[in-house]
C-alpha atoms as a PDB file:
ATOM      1  CA  MET A   1    -117.815 -16.579-165.050  1.00  0.00           C
ATOM      2  CA  ILE A   2    -115.749 -18.390-167.703  1.00  0.00           C
ATOM      3  CA  LYS A   3    -116.812 -17.960-171.307  1.00  0.00           C
ATOM      4  CA  ARG A   4    -115.757 -20.668-173.731  1.00  0.00           C
ATOM      5  CA  SER A   5    -116.003 -20.721-177.503  1.00  0.00           C
ATOM      6  CA  GLU A   6    -118.643 -23.169-178.699  1.00  0.00           C
ATOM      7  CA  ASN A   7    -116.610 -24.243-181.722  1.00  0.00           C
ATOM      8  CA  GLY A   8    -113.123 -23.645-180.278  1.00  0.00           C
ATOM      9  CA  THR A   9    -112.258 -20.634-182.477  1.00  0.00           C
ATOM     10  CA  TYR A  10    -110.879 -18.532-179.588  1.00  0.00           C
ATOM     11  CA  ALA A  11    -109.399 -19.037-176.130  1.00  0.00           C
ATOM     12  CA  SER A  12    -111.583 -19.103-173.018  1.00  0.00           C
ATOM     13  CA  THR A  13    -112.085 -15.775-171.249  1.00  0.00           C
ATOM     14  CA  LEU A  14    -112.773 -14.886-167.629  1.00  0.00           C
ATOM     15  CA  ARG A  15    -115.436 -12.287-166.904  1.00  0.00           C
ATOM     16  CA  THR A  16    -115.227 -10.324-163.673  1.00  0.00           C
ATOM     17  CA  GLY A  17    -117.583  -7.754-162.200  1.00  0.00           C
ATOM     18  CA  PHE A  18    -114.978  -5.590-160.458  1.00  0.00           C
ATOM     19  CA  THR A  19    -111.269  -5.406-161.106  1.00  0.00           C
ATOM     20  CA  LYS A  20    -108.495  -3.651-159.232  1.00  0.00           C
ATOM     21  CA  LEU A  21    -104.783  -4.230-158.759  1.00  0.00           C
ATOM     22  CA  ASP A  22    -103.045  -4.046-155.394  1.00  0.00           C
ATOM     23  CA  THR A  23    -100.047  -1.786-156.081  1.00  0.00           C
ATOM     24  CA  THR A  24     -98.765  -1.602-152.489  1.00  0.00           C
ATOM     25  CA  GLY A  25     -98.638  -3.823-149.458  1.00  0.00           C
ATOM     26  CA  ARG A  26     -98.508  -7.523-148.864  1.00  0.00           C
ATOM     27  CA  HIS A  27    -100.246  -8.601-152.073  1.00  0.00           C
ATOM     28  CA  GLU A  28     -98.547  -6.123-154.402  1.00  0.00           C
ATOM     29  CA  VAL A  29     -98.659  -7.148-158.057  1.00  0.00           C
ATOM     30  CA  THR A  30     -95.323  -7.996-159.681  1.00  0.00           C
ATOM     31  CA  TYR A  31     -94.741  -7.371-163.379  1.00  0.00           C
ATOM     32  CA  TRP A  32     -92.780  -9.671-165.694  1.00  0.00           C
ATOM     33  CA  THR A  33     -91.477  -9.615-169.253  1.00  0.00           C
ATOM     34  CA  PRO A  34     -92.349 -12.419-171.689  1.00  0.00           C
ATOM     35  CA  LYS A  35     -88.867 -13.825-170.915  1.00  0.00           C
ATOM     36  CA  SER A  36     -89.610 -14.012-167.150  1.00  0.00           C
ATOM     37  CA  ALA A  37     -87.554 -11.011-166.000  1.00  0.00           C
ATOM     38  CA  LYS A  38     -88.981  -8.578-163.435  1.00  0.00           C
ATOM     39  CA  ARG A  39     -89.923  -5.102-164.621  1.00  0.00           C
ATOM     40  CA  GLU A  40     -91.817  -1.978-163.533  1.00  0.00           C
ATOM     41  CA  ALA A  41     -95.523  -1.228-163.932  1.00  0.00           C
ATOM     42  CA  PRO A  42     -96.497   0.338-167.267  1.00  0.00           C
ATOM     43  CA  GLU A  43     -96.832   4.119-167.415  1.00  0.00           C
ATOM     44  CA  ASP A  44     -99.489   3.987-170.137  1.00  0.00           C
ATOM     45  CA  TRP A  45    -101.796   0.978-169.720  1.00  0.00           C
ATOM     46  CA  ARG A  46    -103.402   1.603-173.109  1.00  0.00           C
ATOM     47  CA  ARG A  47    -100.228   0.519-174.929  1.00  0.00           C
ATOM     48  CA  VAL A  48     -99.657  -2.857-173.273  1.00  0.00           C
ATOM     49  CA  THR A  49    -101.208  -6.294-173.222  1.00  0.00           C
ATOM     50  CA  VAL A  50    -101.076  -8.234-169.970  1.00  0.00           C
ATOM     51  CA  VAL A  51    -101.622 -11.854-168.994  1.00  0.00           C
ATOM     52  CA  PRO A  52    -102.665 -12.151-165.325  1.00  0.00           C
ATOM     53  CA  ILE A  53    -101.787 -14.910-162.896  1.00  0.00           C
ATOM     54  CA  LEU A  54    -104.804 -15.192-160.598  1.00  0.00           C
ATOM     55  CA  GLU A  55    -105.280 -16.844-157.223  1.00  0.00           C
ATOM     56  CA  ILE A  56    -108.678 -17.768-155.813  1.00  0.00           C
ATOM     57  CA  SER A  57    -108.705 -16.121-152.376  1.00  0.00           C
ATOM     58  CA  PHE A  58    -112.074 -17.233-151.079  1.00  0.00           C
ATOM     59  CA  LEU A  59    -115.721 -17.928-151.856  1.00  0.00           C
ATOM     60  CA  TRP A  60    -118.249 -15.366-150.639  1.00  0.00           C
ATOM     61  CA  ILE A  61    -121.959 -15.890-150.029  1.00  0.00           C
ATOM     62  CA  MET A  62    -124.332 -12.987-149.463  1.00  0.00           C
ATOM     63  CA  GLY A  63    -128.032 -13.810-149.384  1.00  0.00           C
ATOM     64  CA  ARG A  64    -128.868 -15.453-152.726  1.00  0.00           C
ATOM     65  CA  GLU A  65    -125.597 -14.382-154.379  1.00  0.00           C
ATOM     66  CA  ILE A  66    -122.360 -16.329-154.469  1.00  0.00           C
ATOM     67  CA  GLY A  67    -118.985 -15.619-156.048  1.00  0.00           C
ATOM     68  CA  TRP A  68    -115.225 -16.051-155.981  1.00  0.00           C
ATOM     69  CA  THR A  69    -112.754 -13.412-154.851  1.00  0.00           C
ATOM     70  CA  LEU A  70    -109.735 -13.462-157.162  1.00  0.00           C
ATOM     71  CA  GLN A  71    -106.367 -11.928-156.329  1.00  0.00           C
ATOM     72  CA  CYS A  72    -104.016 -10.906-159.150  1.00  0.00           C
ATOM     73  CA  ASN A  73    -100.460 -11.595-157.958  1.00  0.00           C
ATOM     74  CA  HIS A  74     -98.464 -11.343-161.182  1.00  0.00           C
ATOM     75  CA  LEU A  75     -98.856  -9.766-164.621  1.00  0.00           C
ATOM     76  CA  ARG A  76     -96.850 -10.763-167.680  1.00  0.00           C
ATOM     77  CA  ARG A  77     -96.532  -7.554-169.689  1.00  0.00           C
ATOM     78  CA  TYR A  78     -96.263  -7.406-173.494  1.00  0.00           C
ATOM     79  CA  GLU A  79     -95.380  -4.090-175.125  1.00  0.00           C
ATOM     80  CA  GLU A  80     -97.549  -2.956-177.989  1.00  0.00           C
ATOM     81  CA  SER A  81     -96.075  -1.420-181.082  1.00  0.00           C
ATOM     82  CA  SER A  82     -96.491   2.337-181.322  1.00  0.00           C
ATOM     83  CA  SER A  83     -96.392   2.199-185.122  1.00  0.00           C
ATOM     84  CA  CYS A  84     -99.539   2.353-187.198  1.00  0.00           C
ATOM     85  CA  PRO A  85    -101.213  -1.105-187.232  1.00  0.00           C
ATOM     86  CA  ILE A  86    -102.742  -0.573-190.677  1.00  0.00           C
ATOM     87  CA  ALA A  87     -99.640   0.748-192.409  1.00  0.00           C
ATOM     88  CA  ALA A  88     -99.060  -0.925-195.776  1.00  0.00           C
ATOM     89  CA  ASP A  89     -95.673  -2.306-196.772  1.00  0.00           C
ATOM     90  CA  GLU A  90     -96.404  -1.410-200.383  1.00  0.00           C
ATOM     91  CA  VAL A  91     -95.333   1.824-202.044  1.00  0.00           C
END
């Protein structure tokens, strides 16, 4: 479930099989700026980077399979630049 770099060249990543966000109700996701201020959900998810805060809800067992159920409660949202990422500063 957690993938770690063998030589430490990149941060650990979490692999999930199914992902969804609860946008209404009791466990509604809240969105935050990098400076810890509340904000709205992004309109275009392709232009943002998010860092999730996850909570382990419970462990499920079904036959020979076992897994964790994770709940995403908060997302820290970083805006991406809409300018060209390969633009040169040179003339």
